[in-house]
Amino acid sequence: MKFTRDLIVRFEHCDAAGLIFYPRFFGLVNETVEDWFASLGHSFKSLHVDERKGVPTVRFESEFVGPVRIGDLLHQQLGVDSIGNSSLNLKHIASIGTRTVARFDQTIVFTDLSSMKAEPWPAGLRAAITNFAKLDA
């Protein structure tokens, strides 16, 4: 199963050449993760502010394979590759139409923000992720 979102590439995303500035992609990936968590019923506000838990990125691999220009409709896709005791491996693909423009492999870790130590996924959140990914629990 994949989580998707679309957005228009804006002036704020681009460099002087009118191409998306590659560091902005990392912010867009994070926005996709935040939107996905909200769709699972676990908003970042609830998670980070109310529960004092976080999901920091501990590994991020990227490959930029095509240009993205101001005004393009960027399609972002997130999928779960695997879930561990406290970690989650995500795959992201960004495309313009049928053309892939970037790929990202990301590992996030469920973390207590007070101790800054990894913790096992809470049962409800793990179930939501597992149900989304159709992985074995």
Protein backbone atom coordinates (compact mmCIF):
# COMPACT_ATOMS: atom_id res chain seq x y z
CA MET A 1 0.00 0.00 0.00
CA LYS A 2 1.26 3.50 -0.78
CA PHE A 3 0.52 6.91 0.70
CA THR A 4 0.51 9.67 -1.91
CA ARG A 5 0.26 13.40 -2.15
CA ASP A 6 0.57 15.94 -4.95
CA LEU A 7 1.83 19.50 -4.86
CA ILE A 8 2.68 22.28 -7.25
CA VAL A 9 6.39 23.12 -7.21
CA ARG A 10 6.51 26.75 -6.14
CA PHE A 11 9.02 29.55 -6.35
CA GLU A 12 9.96 28.87 -2.70
CA HIS A 13 11.12 25.35 -3.65
CA CYS A 14 13.42 26.47 -6.46
CA ASP A 15 16.87 27.88 -7.08
CA ALA A 16 17.73 30.77 -9.41
CA ALA A 17 17.57 28.42 -12.42
CA GLY A 18 13.90 27.62 -11.69
CA LEU A 19 14.74 24.04 -10.66
CA ILE A 20 13.81 22.52 -7.33
CA PHE A 21 16.68 23.10 -4.91
CA TYR A 22 17.64 19.59 -3.80
CA PRO A 23 17.65 20.32 -0.01
CA ARG A 24 13.98 21.32 -0.33
CA PHE A 25 13.23 17.71 -1.33
CA PHE A 26 14.20 16.59 2.18
CA GLY A 27 11.65 19.00 3.65
CA LEU A 28 9.01 17.72 1.22
CA VAL A 29 9.77 14.13 2.22
CA ASN A 30 9.35 15.09 5.88
CA GLU A 31 6.01 16.77 5.08
CA THR A 32 4.90 13.53 3.40
CA VAL A 33 5.85 11.52 6.50
CA GLU A 34 3.97 13.99 8.69
CA ASP A 35 0.87 13.79 6.47
CA TRP A 36 1.09 9.98 6.47
CA PHE A 37 1.25 9.80 10.28
CA ALA A 38 -1.82 12.07 10.44
CA SER A 39 -3.63 9.71 8.04
CA LEU A 40 -2.80 6.86 10.44
CA GLY A 41 -4.50 8.79 13.27
CA HIS A 42 -1.23 9.90 14.92
CA SER A 43 -0.60 13.56 14.10
CA PHE A 44 2.84 15.00 14.74
CA LYS A 45 1.23 17.50 17.15
CA SER A 46 -0.22 14.65 19.20
CA LEU A 47 2.94 12.57 18.95
CA HIS A 48 5.57 15.27 19.52
CA VAL A 49 3.79 17.83 21.70
CA ASP A 50 1.22 15.85 23.67
CA GLU A 51 3.02 12.49 24.04
CA ARG A 52 6.63 13.81 23.86
CA LYS A 53 7.59 11.12 21.35
CA GLY A 54 9.33 11.59 18.04
CA VAL A 55 10.40 9.79 14.89
CA PRO A 56 13.80 11.22 13.98
CA THR A 57 15.50 10.16 10.78
CA VAL A 58 18.62 8.09 11.41
CA ARG A 59 19.38 7.14 7.80
CA PHE A 60 18.56 8.93 4.57
CA GLU A 61 19.71 7.89 1.11
CA SER A 62 18.75 9.92 -1.93
CA GLU A 63 18.98 9.69 -5.68
CA PHE A 64 18.00 12.60 -7.91
CA VAL A 65 17.28 11.28 -11.40
CA GLY A 66 15.53 14.10 -13.23
CA PRO A 67 14.83 17.82 -13.14
CA VAL A 68 11.86 19.34 -11.38
CA ARG A 69 10.83 22.83 -12.45
CA ILE A 70 8.74 25.58 -10.98
CA GLY A 71 5.08 24.93 -11.85
CA ASP A 72 5.47 21.14 -12.14
CA LEU A 73 2.93 18.92 -10.39
CA LEU A 74 5.06 16.77 -8.08
CA HIS A 75 3.61 13.41 -7.08
CA GLN A 76 5.08 11.95 -3.88
CA GLN A 77 4.64 8.33 -2.87
CA LEU A 78 5.56 6.74 0.47
CA GLY A 79 5.70 3.01 1.16
CA VAL A 80 6.80 0.93 4.13
CA ASP A 81 9.72 -1.36 3.35
CA SER A 82 10.04 -2.94 6.81
CA ILE A 83 9.19 -2.35 10.45
CA GLY A 84 11.44 -3.25 13.36
CA ASN A 85 11.03 -3.08 17.12
CA SER A 86 11.55 0.70 17.15
CA SER A 87 12.60 1.48 13.56
CA LEU A 88 10.76 1.88 10.29
CA ASN A 89 12.25 1.77 6.80
CA LEU A 90 10.40 3.95 4.30
CA LYS A 91 10.69 4.19 0.51
CA HIS A 92 9.80 7.44 -1.22
CA ILE A 93 9.40 8.05 -4.94
CA ALA A 94 8.85 11.50 -6.42
CA SER A 95 7.59 11.82 -9.97
CA ILE A 96 6.32 14.25 -12.57
CA GLY A 97 3.67 12.41 -14.57
CA THR A 98 5.13 8.97 -15.26
CA ARG A 99 8.74 10.20 -14.97
CA THR A 100 10.54 9.40 -11.70
CA VAL A 101 12.60 12.39 -10.58
CA ALA A 102 13.88 11.30 -7.15
CA ARG A 103 14.05 8.32 -4.81
CA PHE A 104 14.64 8.30 -1.07
CA ASP A 105 15.26 5.48 1.41
CA GLN A 106 14.64 6.65 4.97
CA THR A 107 14.88 5.02 8.37
CA ILE A 108 13.06 6.61 11.28
CA VAL A 109 13.15 5.50 14.91
CA PHE A 110 10.41 5.87 17.52
CA THR A 111 12.04 7.93 20.27
CA ASP A 112 11.19 9.29 23.70
CA LEU A 113 11.94 13.02 23.41
CA SER A 114 12.85 13.38 27.11
CA SER A 115 15.46 10.63 27.22
CA MET A 116 16.27 10.70 23.47
CA LYS A 117 16.28 6.90 23.54
CA ALA A 118 14.59 4.55 21.12
CA GLU A 119 11.46 2.79 22.34
CA PRO A 120 9.32 0.02 20.85
CA TRP A 121 6.46 1.21 18.66
CA PRO A 122 3.29 1.61 20.79
CA ALA A 123 0.79 -1.13 19.98
CA GLY A 124 -1.79 1.20 18.40
CA LEU A 125 0.71 2.97 16.17
CA ARG A 126 2.43 -0.28 15.21
CA ALA A 127 -0.97 -1.75 14.29
CA ALA A 128 -1.78 1.30 12.12
CA ILE A 129 1.58 1.05 10.33
CA THR A 130 1.28 -2.72 9.93
CA ASN A 131 -2.28 -2.43 8.62
CA PHE A 132 -1.17 0.25 6.14
CA ALA A 133 1.82 -1.78 4.97
CA LYS A 134 0.00 -5.12 5.10
CA LEU A 135 3.05 -6.53 6.91
CA ASP A 136 3.03 -9.41 9.34
CA ALA A 137 2.65 -8.12 12.89
